[in-house]
């Protein structure tokens, strides 16, 4: 998505440790109009796929999933990072290690919200090593549901997670794929 690449170049910053800071429009302050454009793009990518649910993980995946759901007319389910008091013990759970924060947590989804008949599209903000996606796909598998594909706003292609998933036959669509980045330069995959 050329508009996303342009926005990253204009408003994003690369921090030490291969961290791309786009919190000014994607995950701290949200540019709603732009996210709705991303939602339209996701809807167009999956217009011929029988998706009936979107699955994401808190927190930064929620606005993107919400934008896509607006145009796909399906509900959004989000995995919580650790079980809270308002979720029953009847959950699907998967261990996820965050690349950005370098810690592990249990992603949990109530069994009330995923079922074997569900056709699920996974949406997230970033893809580095693929840990969050693998956790969400594990939850889909536990539910006996069908994975339709994965959409990522920004993939760090140089970290290999997306390419590994694609090599396994999993559909991964990234709206922007960064091929390389330093604090002084950023290049997108062509």
Protein backbone atom coordinates (compact mmCIF):
# COMPACT_ATOMS: atom_id res chain seq x y z
CA UNK A 1 0.00 0.00 0.00
CA UNK A 2 1.89 2.99 -1.32
CA UNK A 3 0.01 5.41 0.95
CA UNK A 4 1.20 3.46 4.03
CA UNK A 5 4.78 3.41 2.79
CA UNK A 6 4.63 7.18 2.23
CA UNK A 7 3.15 7.74 5.70
CA UNK A 8 5.88 5.61 7.31
CA UNK A 9 8.58 7.60 5.51
CA UNK A 10 6.99 10.93 6.42
CA UNK A 11 5.90 10.28 10.02
CA UNK A 12 7.79 7.20 11.26
CA UNK A 13 11.12 7.04 13.06
CA UNK A 14 13.57 4.18 13.39
CA UNK A 15 14.88 3.68 16.91
CA UNK A 16 17.88 1.62 18.02
CA UNK A 17 17.20 -2.12 18.08
CA UNK A 18 15.22 -2.18 14.80
CA UNK A 19 12.18 -0.56 16.38
CA UNK A 20 9.96 1.39 13.98
CA UNK A 21 8.05 4.09 15.82
CA UNK A 22 4.74 4.87 14.10
CA UNK A 23 2.81 5.70 17.23
CA UNK A 24 1.85 9.09 15.81
CA UNK A 25 -0.70 7.43 13.49
CA UNK A 26 -0.99 3.69 14.16
CA UNK A 27 -0.68 2.61 17.76
CA UNK A 28 -0.70 5.45 20.27
CA UNK A 29 -2.39 8.27 18.43
CA UNK A 30 -4.64 6.88 15.71
CA UNK A 31 -5.24 8.51 12.35
CA UNK A 32 -8.80 7.23 11.95
CA UNK A 33 -9.28 8.32 8.34
CA UNK A 34 -6.05 6.61 7.33
CA UNK A 35 -6.92 3.43 9.24
CA UNK A 36 -10.25 3.32 7.43
CA UNK A 37 -8.33 3.45 4.14
CA UNK A 38 -6.27 0.50 5.39
CA UNK A 39 -9.53 -1.27 6.25
CA UNK A 40 -10.79 -0.76 2.69
CA UNK A 41 -7.54 -2.19 1.34
CA UNK A 42 -7.83 -5.28 3.55
CA UNK A 43 -11.46 -5.75 2.51
CA UNK A 44 -10.43 -5.59 -1.17
CA UNK A 45 -7.67 -8.17 -0.60
CA UNK A 46 -10.16 -10.66 0.92
CA UNK A 47 -13.31 -9.80 -1.06
CA UNK A 48 -13.51 -13.34 -2.49
CA UNK A 49 -12.69 -15.15 0.76
CA UNK A 50 -15.56 -16.29 3.04
CA UNK A 51 -14.26 -14.59 6.21
CA UNK A 52 -16.83 -14.48 9.01
CA UNK A 53 -14.55 -13.36 11.86
CA UNK A 54 -11.42 -11.29 12.38
CA UNK A 55 -8.95 -12.24 15.11
CA UNK A 56 -6.30 -9.88 16.44
CA UNK A 57 -4.30 -9.39 19.60
CA UNK A 58 -4.48 -6.49 22.02
CA UNK A 59 -3.70 -3.69 21.82
CA UNK A 60 -2.34 -2.26 18.60
CA UNK A 61 -4.03 -4.75 16.28
CA UNK A 62 -7.51 -3.72 17.42
CA UNK A 63 -7.88 -0.44 15.47
CA UNK A 64 -6.71 -2.07 12.21
CA UNK A 65 -9.01 -5.06 12.74
CA UNK A 66 -11.88 -2.70 13.55
CA UNK A 67 -11.29 -0.73 10.34
CA UNK A 68 -11.29 -3.91 8.24
CA UNK A 69 -14.37 -5.25 10.02
CA UNK A 70 -16.23 -2.04 9.19
CA UNK A 71 -15.97 -2.86 5.48
CA UNK A 72 -16.12 -6.66 5.72
CA UNK A 73 -19.18 -6.57 8.01
CA UNK A 74 -17.83 -9.21 10.40
CA UNK A 75 -17.10 -9.20 14.14
CA UNK A 76 -13.66 -8.70 15.66
CA UNK A 77 -12.35 -10.99 18.38
CA UNK A 78 -9.18 -9.98 20.15
CA UNK A 79 -6.86 -12.14 22.18
CA UNK A 80 -6.07 -10.69 25.56
CA UNK A 81 -2.52 -10.69 26.81
CA UNK A 82 -3.08 -12.76 29.93
CA UNK A 83 -6.39 -13.89 31.31
CA UNK A 84 -8.34 -11.21 33.15
CA UNK A 85 -11.06 -11.54 35.76
CA UNK A 86 -13.86 -10.94 33.29
CA UNK A 87 -13.03 -14.04 31.21
CA UNK A 88 -14.13 -17.50 32.31
CA UNK A 89 -11.64 -20.33 32.66
CA UNK A 90 -12.94 -21.82 29.40
CA UNK A 91 -10.39 -20.27 27.03
CA UNK A 92 -8.03 -21.04 24.20
CA UNK A 93 -4.51 -20.04 25.19
CA UNK A 94 -1.14 -19.81 23.49
CA UNK A 95 2.26 -18.64 24.73
CA UNK A 96 3.61 -15.66 22.75
CA UNK A 97 6.98 -13.94 23.02
CA UNK A 98 7.00 -10.27 22.08
CA UNK A 99 9.96 -9.26 19.91
CA UNK A 100 9.56 -5.57 20.71
CA UNK A 101 9.19 -5.93 24.47
CA UNK A 102 11.23 -9.13 24.90
CA UNK A 103 8.80 -10.88 27.25
CA UNK A 104 6.35 -13.77 27.05
CA UNK A 105 2.64 -13.79 27.81
CA UNK A 106 -0.38 -16.01 27.36
CA UNK A 107 -2.69 -14.87 24.56
CA UNK A 108 -6.21 -15.95 25.53
CA UNK A 109 -9.56 -16.01 23.76
CA UNK A 110 -12.81 -17.12 25.35
CA UNK A 111 -14.19 -20.28 23.76
CA UNK A 112 -17.47 -18.37 23.40
CA UNK A 113 -16.05 -16.42 20.46
CA UNK A 114 -14.33 -18.97 18.20
CA UNK A 115 -15.96 -22.13 16.87
CA UNK A 116 -15.15 -24.85 14.31
CA UNK A 117 -17.40 -23.24 11.69
CA UNK A 118 -15.52 -19.92 11.82
CA UNK A 119 -13.50 -18.71 8.81
CA UNK A 120 -10.93 -16.46 10.46
CA UNK A 121 -8.78 -13.63 9.14
CA UNK A 122 -5.90 -12.68 11.45
CA UNK A 123 -4.91 -8.99 11.51
CA UNK A 124 -2.01 -7.39 13.38
CA UNK A 125 0.01 -4.19 13.30
CA UNK A 126 3.56 -5.56 13.00
CA UNK A 127 5.22 -8.78 11.90
CA UNK A 128 8.85 -9.39 12.85
CA UNK A 129 9.58 -13.00 13.77
CA UNK A 130 5.96 -14.17 13.56
CA UNK A 131 5.48 -14.98 17.24
CA UNK A 132 2.11 -13.25 17.66
CA UNK A 133 0.77 -14.73 14.42
CA UNK A 134 1.88 -18.20 15.42
CA UNK A 135 0.10 -17.79 18.75
CA UNK A 136 -3.11 -16.61 17.06
CA UNK A 137 -2.95 -19.43 14.52
CA UNK A 138 -2.50 -21.89 17.40
CA UNK A 139 -5.68 -20.50 19.00
CA UNK A 140 -7.55 -20.89 15.69
CA UNK A 141 -6.34 -24.48 15.48
CA UNK A 142 -7.43 -25.20 19.07
CA UNK A 143 -10.91 -23.92 18.15
CA UNK A 144 -11.02 -26.17 15.07
CA UNK A 145 -11.68 -23.04 13.00
CA UNK A 146 -10.24 -22.31 9.56
CA UNK A 147 -7.48 -19.78 8.95
CA UNK A 148 -8.26 -17.70 5.84
CA UNK A 149 -5.06 -15.67 5.95
CA UNK A 150 -3.10 -13.04 7.84
CA UNK A 151 -2.93 -9.32 7.18
CA UNK A 152 -0.18 -7.22 8.65
CA UNK A 153 0.05 -3.44 8.49
CA UNK A 154 3.88 -3.35 8.59
CA UNK A 155 6.13 -6.36 8.09
CA UNK A 156 9.82 -6.20 8.91
CA UNK A 157 10.81 -8.40 5.99
CA UNK A 158 14.45 -8.49 7.05
CA UNK A 159 13.50 -10.40 10.20
CA UNK A 160 12.07 -13.32 8.20
CA UNK A 161 8.84 -14.10 10.04
CA UNK A 162 6.56 -13.44 7.08
CA UNK A 163 8.73 -15.36 4.64
CA UNK A 164 8.81 -18.39 6.99
CA UNK A 165 5.02 -18.39 7.22
CA UNK A 166 4.62 -18.03 3.45
CA UNK A 167 7.05 -20.93 2.93
CA UNK A 168 4.65 -23.05 5.04
CA UNK A 169 1.81 -22.19 2.65
CA UNK A 170 0.13 -19.61 4.90
CA UNK A 171 -1.33 -16.60 3.14
CA UNK A 172 0.29 -13.47 4.56
CA UNK A 173 -0.59 -10.08 3.08
CA UNK A 174 1.39 -7.13 4.38
CA UNK A 175 0.34 -3.60 3.50
CA UNK A 176 3.99 -2.49 3.72
CA UNK A 177 7.10 -4.67 3.88
CA UNK A 178 10.31 -3.08 5.08
CA UNK A 179 13.32 -4.73 3.45
CA UNK A 180 15.93 -2.88 5.50
CA UNK A 181 16.10 -0.05 7.98
CA UNK A 182 18.60 1.86 10.03
CA UNK A 183 18.25 5.04 12.01
CA UNK A 184 19.09 6.92 8.79
CA UNK A 185 17.40 4.93 6.02
CA UNK A 186 14.41 2.75 5.33
CA UNK A 187 13.76 0.66 2.19
CA UNK A 188 10.59 -1.18 1.22
CA UNK A 189 10.37 -4.53 -0.53
CA UNK A 190 9.44 -4.16 -4.17
